[in-house]
PDB file of N, CA and C in Angstrom:
ATOM      1  N   MET A   1      26.140  -5.957   2.992  1.00  0.00           N
ATOM      2  CA  MET A   1      24.793  -5.462   2.811  1.00  0.00           C
ATOM      3  C   MET A   1      24.746  -4.500   1.640  1.00  0.00           C
ATOM      4  N   GLY A   2      23.738  -4.645   0.830  1.00  0.00           N
ATOM      5  CA  GLY A   2      23.567  -3.755  -0.303  1.00  0.00           C
ATOM      6  C   GLY A   2      22.716  -2.558   0.061  1.00  0.00           C
ATOM      7  N   THR A   3      22.545  -1.693  -0.896  1.00  0.00           N
ATOM      8  CA  THR A   3      21.686  -0.534  -0.715  1.00  0.00           C
ATOM      9  C   THR A   3      20.244  -0.995  -0.650  1.00  0.00           C
ATOM     10  N   PRO A   4      19.470  -0.519   0.331  1.00  0.00           N
ATOM     11  CA  PRO A   4      18.083  -0.954   0.415  1.00  0.00           C
ATOM     12  C   PRO A   4      17.285  -0.470  -0.789  1.00  0.00           C
ATOM     13  N   ARG A   5      16.413  -1.328  -1.278  1.00  0.00           N
ATOM     14  CA  ARG A   5      15.533  -0.943  -2.370  1.00  0.00           C
ATOM     15  C   ARG A   5      14.453  -0.024  -1.828  1.00  0.00           C
ATOM     16  N   ARG A   6      13.809   0.727  -2.708  1.00  0.00           N
ATOM     17  CA  ARG A   6      12.751   1.622  -2.269  1.00  0.00           C
ATOM     18  C   ARG A   6      11.637   0.872  -1.552  1.00  0.00           C
ATOM     19  N   ALA A   7      11.322  -0.329  -2.013  1.00  0.00           N
ATOM     20  CA  ALA A   7      10.240  -1.096  -1.402  1.00  0.00           C
ATOM     21  C   ALA A   7      10.563  -1.477   0.035  1.00  0.00           C
ATOM     22  N   ASP A   8      11.848  -1.487   0.416  1.00  0.00           N
ATOM     23  CA  ASP A   8      12.222  -1.843   1.775  1.00  0.00           C
ATOM     24  C   ASP A   8      11.751  -0.798   2.788  1.00  0.00           C
ATOM     25  N   ARG A   9      11.421   0.403   2.339  1.00  0.00           N
ATOM     26  CA  ARG A   9      10.938   1.449   3.238  1.00  0.00           C
ATOM     27  C   ARG A   9       9.475   1.242   3.597  1.00  0.00           C
ATOM     28  N   ARG A  10       8.832   0.355   2.917  1.00  0.00           N
ATOM     29  CA  ARG A  10       7.397   0.173   3.067  1.00  0.00           C
ATOM     30  C   ARG A  10       7.031  -0.456   4.395  1.00  0.00           C
ATOM     31  N   ALA A  11       5.919  -0.030   4.918  1.00  0.00           N
ATOM     32  CA  ALA A  11       5.388  -0.683   6.107  1.00  0.00           C
ATOM     33  C   ALA A  11       5.116  -2.141   5.757  1.00  0.00           C
ATOM     34  N   CYS A  12       5.112  -2.957   6.726  1.00  0.00           N
ATOM     35  CA  CYS A  12       4.953  -4.395   6.547  1.00  0.00           C
ATOM     36  C   CYS A  12       3.712  -4.714   5.705  1.00  0.00           C
ATOM     37  N   PRO A  13       3.882  -5.293   4.510  1.00  0.00           N
ATOM     38  CA  PRO A  13       2.723  -5.594   3.670  1.00  0.00           C
ATOM     39  C   PRO A  13       1.784  -6.607   4.322  1.00  0.00           C
ATOM     40  N   GLU A  14       2.309  -7.443   5.214  1.00  0.00           N
ATOM     41  CA  GLU A  14       1.445  -8.379   5.930  1.00  0.00           C
ATOM     42  C   GLU A  14       0.463  -7.615   6.811  1.00  0.00           C
ATOM     43  N   GLY A  15       0.895  -6.467   7.306  1.00  0.00           N
ATOM     44  CA  GLY A  15      -0.002  -5.622   8.099  1.00  0.00           C
ATOM     45  C   GLY A  15      -1.177  -5.138   7.277  1.00  0.00           C
ATOM     46  N   TRP A  16      -0.916  -4.827   6.008  1.00  0.00           N
ATOM     47  CA  TRP A  16      -2.011  -4.408   5.130  1.00  0.00           C
ATOM     48  C   TRP A  16      -2.983  -5.565   4.936  1.00  0.00           C
ATOM     49  N   LEU A  17      -2.454  -6.783   4.829  1.00  0.00           N
ATOM     50  CA  LEU A  17      -3.324  -7.944   4.660  1.00  0.00           C
ATOM     51  C   LEU A  17      -4.257  -8.105   5.861  1.00  0.00           C
ATOM     52  N   VAL A  18      -3.719  -7.886   7.058  1.00  0.00           N
ATOM     53  CA  VAL A  18      -4.544  -7.982   8.264  1.00  0.00           C
ATOM     54  C   VAL A  18      -5.640  -6.920   8.232  1.00  0.00           C
ATOM     55  N   LEU A  19      -5.270  -5.680   7.901  1.00  0.00           N
ATOM     56  CA  LEU A  19      -6.265  -4.599   7.841  1.00  0.00           C
ATOM     57  C   LEU A  19      -7.324  -4.883   6.784  1.00  0.00           C
ATOM     58  N   LEU A  20      -6.894  -5.394   5.635  1.00  0.00           N
ATOM     59  CA  LEU A  20      -7.858  -5.730   4.585  1.00  0.00           C
ATOM     60  C   LEU A  20      -8.805  -6.826   5.064  1.00  0.00           C
ATOM     61  N   ARG A  21      -8.263  -7.853   5.686  1.00  0.00           N
ATOM     62  CA  ARG A  21      -9.107  -8.968   6.165  1.00  0.00           C
ATOM     63  C   ARG A  21     -10.100  -8.497   7.217  1.00  0.00           C
ATOM     64  N   GLN A  22      -9.668  -7.556   8.072  1.00  0.00           N
ATOM     65  CA  GLN A  22     -10.589  -7.009   9.081  1.00  0.00           C
ATOM     66  C   GLN A  22     -11.763  -6.306   8.414  1.00  0.00           C
ATOM     67  N   ARG A  23     -11.541  -5.818   7.205  1.00  0.00           N
ATOM     68  CA  ARG A  23     -12.598  -5.152   6.451  1.00  0.00           C
ATOM     69  C   ARG A  23     -13.343  -6.124   5.530  1.00  0.00           C
ATOM     70  N   GLY A  24     -12.999  -7.408   5.634  1.00  0.00           N
ATOM     71  CA  GLY A  24     -13.659  -8.414   4.804  1.00  0.00           C
ATOM     72  C   GLY A  24     -13.173  -8.431   3.371  1.00  0.00           C
ATOM     73  N   VAL A  25     -11.962  -7.921   3.143  1.00  0.00           N
ATOM     74  CA  VAL A  25     -11.392  -7.820   1.797  1.00  0.00           C
ATOM     75  C   VAL A  25     -10.178  -8.737   1.709  1.00  0.00           C
ATOM     76  N   HIS A  26     -10.045  -9.423   0.589  1.00  0.00           N
ATOM     77  CA  HIS A  26      -8.888 -10.272   0.327  1.00  0.00           C
ATOM     78  C   HIS A  26      -8.271  -9.857  -0.995  1.00  0.00           C
ATOM     79  N   LEU A  27      -6.966 -10.067  -1.125  1.00  0.00           N
ATOM     80  CA  LEU A  27      -6.296  -9.728  -2.383  1.00  0.00           C
ATOM     81  C   LEU A  27      -6.930 -10.473  -3.554  1.00  0.00           C
ATOM     82  N   SER A  28      -7.407 -11.686  -3.314  1.00  0.00           N
ATOM     83  CA  SER A  28      -8.041 -12.449  -4.400  1.00  0.00           C
ATOM     84  C   SER A  28      -9.301 -11.738  -4.899  1.00  0.00           C
ATOM     85  N   GLY A  29     -10.054 -11.124  -3.990  1.00  0.00           N
ATOM     86  CA  GLY A  29     -11.237 -10.367  -4.390  1.00  0.00           C
ATOM     87  C   GLY A  29     -10.874  -9.132  -5.190  1.00  0.00           C
ATOM     88  N   ILE A  30      -9.818  -8.439  -4.766  1.00  0.00           N
ATOM     89  CA  ILE A  30      -9.347  -7.270  -5.516  1.00  0.00           C
ATOM     90  C   ILE A  30      -8.912  -7.702  -6.907  1.00  0.00           C
ATOM     91  N   ALA A  31      -8.167  -8.809  -6.976  1.00  0.00           N
ATOM     92  CA  ALA A  31      -7.702  -9.314  -8.272  1.00  0.00           C
ATOM     93  C   ALA A  31      -8.885  -9.633  -9.177  1.00  0.00           C
ATOM     94  N   ARG A  32      -9.876 -10.310  -8.637  1.00  0.00           N
ATOM     95  CA  ARG A  32     -11.048 -10.699  -9.421  1.00  0.00           C
ATOM     96  C   ARG A  32     -11.796  -9.464  -9.925  1.00  0.00           C
ATOM     97  N   GLU A  33     -12.008  -8.478  -9.034  1.00  0.00           N
ATOM     98  CA  GLU A  33     -12.739  -7.263  -9.416  1.00  0.00           C
ATOM     99  C   GLU A  33     -12.010  -6.456 -10.487  1.00  0.00           C
ATOM    100  N   LEU A  34     -10.681  -6.466 -10.429  1.00  0.00           N
ATOM    101  CA  LEU A  34      -9.894  -5.690 -11.396  1.00  0.00           C
ATOM    102  C   LEU A  34      -9.535  -6.496 -12.642  1.00  0.00           C
ATOM    103  N   GLY A  35      -9.847  -7.794 -12.628  1.00  0.00           N
ATOM    104  CA  GLY A  35      -9.507  -8.640 -13.766  1.00  0.00           C
ATOM    105  C   GLY A  35      -8.011  -8.903 -13.879  1.00  0.00           C
ATOM    106  N   LYS A  36      -7.349  -8.982 -12.734  1.00  0.00           N
ATOM    107  CA  LYS A  36      -5.899  -9.202 -12.699  1.00  0.00           C
ATOM    108  C   LYS A  36      -5.601 -10.531 -12.022  1.00  0.00           C
ATOM    109  N   ASP A  37      -4.420 -11.079 -12.286  1.00  0.00           N
ATOM    110  CA  ASP A  37      -3.985 -12.293 -11.600  1.00  0.00           C
ATOM    111  C   ASP A  37      -3.674 -11.969 -10.148  1.00  0.00           C
ATOM    112  N   LEU A  38      -3.990 -12.902  -9.263  1.00  0.00           N
ATOM    113  CA  LEU A  38      -3.694 -12.731  -7.850  1.00  0.00           C
ATOM    114  C   LEU A  38      -2.205 -12.500  -7.620  1.00  0.00           C
ATOM    115  N   SER A  39      -1.365 -13.180  -8.402  1.00  0.00           N
ATOM    116  CA  SER A  39       0.082 -13.022  -8.210  1.00  0.00           C
ATOM    117  C   SER A  39       0.519 -11.583  -8.475  1.00  0.00           C
ATOM    118  N   VAL A  40      -0.099 -10.921  -9.431  1.00  0.00           N
ATOM    119  CA  VAL A  40       0.247  -9.525  -9.732  1.00  0.00           C
ATOM    120  C   VAL A  40      -0.187  -8.623  -8.583  1.00  0.00           C
ATOM    121  N   VAL A  41      -1.394  -8.830  -8.089  1.00  0.00           N
ATOM    122  CA  VAL A  41      -1.900  -8.016  -6.978  1.00  0.00           C
ATOM    123  C   VAL A  41      -1.022  -8.231  -5.743  1.00  0.00           C
ATOM    124  N   SER A  42      -0.630  -9.460  -5.498  1.00  0.00           N
ATOM    125  CA  SER A  42       0.233  -9.764  -4.367  1.00  0.00           C
ATOM    126  C   SER A  42       1.591  -9.085  -4.506  1.00  0.00           C
ATOM    127  N   ARG A  43       2.165  -9.117  -5.704  1.00  0.00           N
ATOM    128  CA  ARG A  43       3.464  -8.459  -5.914  1.00  0.00           C
ATOM    129  C   ARG A  43       3.372  -6.954  -5.726  1.00  0.00           C
ATOM    130  N   VAL A  44       2.257  -6.364  -6.174  1.00  0.00           N
ATOM    131  CA  VAL A  44       2.065  -4.927  -5.969  1.00  0.00           C
ATOM    132  C   VAL A  44       1.947  -4.640  -4.474  1.00  0.00           C
ATOM    133  N   ASN A  45       1.164  -5.436  -3.758  1.00  0.00           N
ATOM    134  CA  ASN A  45       1.015  -5.253  -2.317  1.00  0.00           C
ATOM    135  C   ASN A  45       2.354  -5.359  -1.597  1.00  0.00           C
ATOM    136  N   ASN A  46       3.209  -6.249  -2.058  1.00  0.00           N
ATOM    137  CA  ASN A  46       4.522  -6.431  -1.441  1.00  0.00           C
ATOM    138  C   ASN A  46       5.550  -5.404  -1.892  1.00  0.00           C
ATOM    139  N   GLY A  47       5.186  -4.533  -2.827  1.00  0.00           N
ATOM    140  CA  GLY A  47       6.102  -3.506  -3.302  1.00  0.00           C
ATOM    141  C   GLY A  47       7.106  -3.993  -4.321  1.00  0.00           C
ATOM    142  N   HIS A  48       6.855  -5.158  -4.924  1.00  0.00           N
ATOM    143  CA  HIS A  48       7.787  -5.723  -5.898  1.00  0.00           C
ATOM    144  C   HIS A  48       7.396  -5.414  -7.340  1.00  0.00           C
ATOM    145  N   ARG A  49       6.217  -4.850  -7.515  1.00  0.00           N
ATOM    146  CA  ARG A  49       5.746  -4.523  -8.856  1.00  0.00           C
ATOM    147  C   ARG A  49       4.869  -3.285  -8.750  1.00  0.00           C
ATOM    148  N   ARG A  50       4.768  -2.539  -9.844  1.00  0.00           N
ATOM    149  CA  ARG A  50       3.962  -1.319  -9.873  1.00  0.00           C
ATOM    150  C   ARG A  50       2.717  -1.505 -10.717  1.00  0.00           C
ATOM    151  N   SER A  51       1.615  -1.001 -10.235  1.00  0.00           N
ATOM    152  CA  SER A  51       0.374  -0.891 -10.993  1.00  0.00           C
ATOM    153  C   SER A  51      -0.454   0.179 -10.308  1.00  0.00           C
ATOM    154  N   ARG A  52      -0.589   1.302 -10.962  1.00  0.00           N
ATOM    155  CA  ARG A  52      -1.337   2.413 -10.366  1.00  0.00           C
ATOM    156  C   ARG A  52      -2.767   1.983 -10.033  1.00  0.00           C
ATOM    157  N   MET A  53      -3.378   1.209 -10.924  1.00  0.00           N
ATOM    158  CA  MET A  53      -4.747   0.758 -10.704  1.00  0.00           C
ATOM    159  C   MET A  53      -4.849  -0.093  -9.430  1.00  0.00           C
ATOM    160  N   ILE A  54      -3.949  -1.035  -9.282  1.00  0.00           N
ATOM    161  CA  ILE A  54      -3.971  -1.918  -8.118  1.00  0.00           C
ATOM    162  C   ILE A  54      -3.589  -1.147  -6.850  1.00  0.00           C
ATOM    163  N   GLU A  55      -2.594  -0.285  -6.940  1.00  0.00           N
ATOM    164  CA  GLU A  55      -2.196   0.526  -5.786  1.00  0.00           C
ATOM    165  C   GLU A  55      -3.364   1.379  -5.303  1.00  0.00           C
ATOM    166  N   ARG A  56      -4.062   2.012  -6.244  1.00  0.00           N
ATOM    167  CA  ARG A  56      -5.211   2.845  -5.870  1.00  0.00           C
ATOM    168  C   ARG A  56      -6.297   2.022  -5.180  1.00  0.00           C
ATOM    169  N   GLU A  57      -6.569   0.834  -5.710  1.00  0.00           N
ATOM    170  CA  GLU A  57      -7.623   0.003  -5.126  1.00  0.00           C
ATOM    171  C   GLU A  57      -7.247  -0.488  -3.731  1.00  0.00           C
ATOM    172  N   ILE A  58      -6.013  -0.909  -3.552  1.00  0.00           N
ATOM    173  CA  ILE A  58      -5.573  -1.345  -2.216  1.00  0.00           C
ATOM    174  C   ILE A  58      -5.660  -0.171  -1.238  1.00  0.00           C
ATOM    175  N   ALA A  59      -5.174   1.000  -1.639  1.00  0.00           N
ATOM    176  CA  ALA A  59      -5.230   2.184  -0.767  1.00  0.00           C
ATOM    177  C   ALA A  59      -6.682   2.550  -0.449  1.00  0.00           C
ATOM    178  N   ARG A  60      -7.556   2.471  -1.447  1.00  0.00           N
ATOM    179  CA  ARG A  60      -8.973   2.788  -1.235  1.00  0.00           C
ATOM    180  C   ARG A  60      -9.578   1.824  -0.219  1.00  0.00           C
ATOM    181  N   ARG A  61      -9.271   0.537  -0.365  1.00  0.00           N
ATOM    182  CA  ARG A  61      -9.817  -0.465   0.547  1.00  0.00           C
ATOM    183  C   ARG A  61      -9.259  -0.310   1.957  1.00  0.00           C
ATOM    184  N   LEU A  62      -8.035   0.210   2.075  1.00  0.00           N
ATOM    185  CA  LEU A  62      -7.434   0.470   3.381  1.00  0.00           C
ATOM    186  C   LEU A  62      -7.893   1.802   3.960  1.00  0.00           C
ATOM    187  N   ASP A  63      -8.573   2.602   3.125  1.00  0.00           N
ATOM    188  CA  ASP A  63      -8.991   3.953   3.511  1.00  0.00           C
ATOM    189  C   ASP A  63      -7.778   4.803   3.862  1.00  0.00           C
ATOM    190  N   LEU A  64      -6.741   4.692   3.016  1.00  0.00           N
ATOM    191  CA  LEU A  64      -5.507   5.448   3.193  1.00  0.00           C
ATOM    192  C   LEU A  64      -5.178   6.197   1.909  1.00  0.00           C
ATOM    193  N   PRO A  65      -4.513   7.349   2.016  1.00  0.00           N
ATOM    194  CA  PRO A  65      -4.006   7.987   0.800  1.00  0.00           C
ATOM    195  C   PRO A  65      -2.874   7.130   0.222  1.00  0.00           C
ATOM    196  N   LEU A  66      -2.661   7.246  -1.070  1.00  0.00           N
ATOM    197  CA  LEU A  66      -1.592   6.485  -1.723  1.00  0.00           C
ATOM    198  C   LEU A  66      -0.249   6.696  -1.045  1.00  0.00           C
ATOM    199  N   SER A  67       0.010   7.911  -0.577  1.00  0.00           N
ATOM    200  CA  SER A  67       1.300   8.207   0.042  1.00  0.00           C
ATOM    201  C   SER A  67       1.518   7.441   1.344  1.00  0.00           C
ATOM    202  N   GLU A  68       0.450   7.016   1.996  1.00  0.00           N
ATOM    203  CA  GLU A  68       0.602   6.216   3.212  1.00  0.00           C
ATOM    204  C   GLU A  68       0.592   4.724   2.897  1.00  0.00           C
ATOM    205  N   ALA A  69      -0.207   4.328   1.937  1.00  0.00           N
ATOM    206  CA  ALA A  69      -0.275   2.913   1.574  1.00  0.00           C
ATOM    207  C   ALA A  69       0.977   2.471   0.827  1.00  0.00           C
ATOM    208  N   PHE A  70       1.528   3.359  -0.006  1.00  0.00           N
ATOM    209  CA  PHE A  70       2.713   3.046  -0.807  1.00  0.00           C
ATOM    210  C   PHE A  70       3.724   4.184  -0.728  1.00  0.00           C
ATOM    211  N   PRO A  71       4.321   4.395   0.443  1.00  0.00           N
ATOM    212  CA  PRO A  71       5.233   5.534   0.619  1.00  0.00           C
ATOM    213  C   PRO A  71       6.484   5.445  -0.239  1.00  0.00           C
ATOM    214  N   GLU A  72       6.824   4.240  -0.692  1.00  0.00           N
ATOM    215  CA  GLU A  72       8.011   4.100  -1.530  1.00  0.00           C
ATOM    216  C   GLU A  72       7.798   4.669  -2.926  1.00  0.00           C
ATOM    217  N   TRP A  73       6.552   4.866  -3.320  1.00  0.00           N
ATOM    218  CA  TRP A  73       6.255   5.354  -4.669  1.00  0.00           C
ATOM    219  C   TRP A  73       5.610   6.724  -4.689  1.00  0.00           C
ATOM    220  N   TYR A  74       4.911   7.109  -3.617  1.00  0.00           N
ATOM    221  CA  TYR A  74       4.146   8.355  -3.634  1.00  0.00           C
ATOM    222  C   TYR A  74       4.593   9.262  -2.498  1.00  0.00           C
ATOM    223  N   GLU A  75       4.812  10.524  -2.822  1.00  0.00           N
ATOM    224  CA  GLU A  75       5.161  11.525  -1.813  1.00  0.00           C
ATOM    225  C   GLU A  75       3.876  12.040  -1.180  1.00  0.00           C
ATOM    226  N   PRO A  76       3.880  12.277   0.134  1.00  0.00           N
ATOM    227  CA  PRO A  76       2.674  12.834   0.757  1.00  0.00           C
ATOM    228  C   PRO A  76       2.460  14.270   0.306  1.00  0.00           C
ATOM    229  N   ALA A  77       1.210  14.668   0.253  1.00  0.00           N
ATOM    230  CA  ALA A  77       0.884  16.065  -0.045  1.00  0.00           C
ATOM    231  C   ALA A  77       1.442  16.913   1.087  1.00  0.00           C
ATOM    232  N   SER A  78       1.713  18.181   0.826  1.00  0.00           N
ATOM    233  CA  SER A  78       2.355  19.027   1.830  1.00  0.00           C
ATOM    234  C   SER A  78       1.560  19.067   3.128  1.00  0.00           C
ATOM    235  N   GLY A  79       0.241  19.138   3.068  1.00  0.00           N
ATOM    236  CA  GLY A  79      -0.578  19.133   4.277  1.00  0.00           C
ATOM    237  C   GLY A  79      -0.490  17.808   4.998  1.00  0.00           C
ATOM    238  N   ALA A  80      -0.396  16.727   4.235  1.00  0.00           N
ATOM    239  CA  ALA A  80      -0.306  15.394   4.847  1.00  0.00           C
ATOM    240  C   ALA A  80       1.009  15.245   5.605  1.00  0.00           C
ATOM    241  N   ARG A  81       2.086  15.866   5.102  1.00  0.00           N
ATOM    242  CA  ARG A  81       3.368  15.790   5.808  1.00  0.00           C
ATOM    243  C   ARG A  81       3.235  16.376   7.211  1.00  0.00           C
ATOM    244  N   ASP A  82       2.514  17.500   7.329  1.00  0.00           N
ATOM    245  CA  ASP A  82       2.334  18.135   8.626  1.00  0.00           C
ATOM    246  C   ASP A  82       1.532  17.233   9.567  1.00  0.00           C
ATOM    247  N   VAL A  83       0.492  16.597   9.035  1.00  0.00           N
ATOM    248  CA  VAL A  83      -0.329  15.705   9.844  1.00  0.00           C
ATOM    249  C   VAL A  83       0.504  14.502  10.284  1.00  0.00           C
ATOM    250  N   ILE A  84       1.256  13.919   9.365  1.00  0.00           N
ATOM    251  CA  ILE A  84       2.083  12.769   9.692  1.00  0.00           C
ATOM    252  C   ILE A  84       3.121  13.151  10.750  1.00  0.00           C
ATOM    253  N   ALA A  85       3.741  14.309  10.599  1.00  0.00           N
ATOM    254  CA  ALA A  85       4.748  14.764  11.566  1.00  0.00           C
ATOM    255  C   ALA A  85       4.133  14.959  12.943  1.00  0.00           C
ATOM    256  N   SER A  86       2.936  15.519  12.992  1.00  0.00           N
ATOM    257  CA  SER A  86       2.310  15.746  14.300  1.00  0.00           C
ATOM    258  C   SER A  86       1.902  14.434  14.945  1.00  0.00           C
ATOM    259  N   VAL A  87       1.483  13.472  14.153  1.00  0.00           N
ATOM    260  CA  VAL A  87       1.120  12.160  14.702  1.00  0.00           C
ATOM    261  C   VAL A  87       2.360  11.456  15.223  1.00  0.00           C
ATOM    262  N   MET A  88       3.458  11.569  14.509  1.00  0.00           N
ATOM    263  CA  MET A  88       4.697  10.904  14.905  1.00  0.00           C
ATOM    264  C   MET A  88       5.225  11.469  16.216  1.00  0.00           C
ATOM    265  N   GLN A  89       4.921  12.739  16.538  1.00  0.00           N
ATOM    266  CA  GLN A  89       5.417  13.355  17.756  1.00  0.00           C
ATOM    267  C   GLN A  89       4.577  12.982  18.974  1.00  0.00           C
ATOM    268  N   ILE A  90       3.393  12.475  18.755  1.00  0.00           N
ATOM    269  CA  ILE A  90       2.492  12.151  19.873  1.00  0.00           C
ATOM    270  C   ILE A  90       2.974  10.964  20.640  1.00  0.00           C
TER     271      ILE A  90
END
């Protein structure tokens, strides 16, 4: 076994797809609105590629801060760490 990549820490990207679909959003729609190829948006969602613009849009559509939508790339704000810790203890 090799060293896990940073993207391996990410919550299941398929879970994000389910949440997006529940909100009536599809990666193809995000790609179209941003003028990007669907394959690029999909790779960003899966944590295999970086795009701040796409990451922000996916997080916005999920109604999550970047640090929760893409924890492999963004550190939570200090206040968010406390909230996350308290939720994890519940």
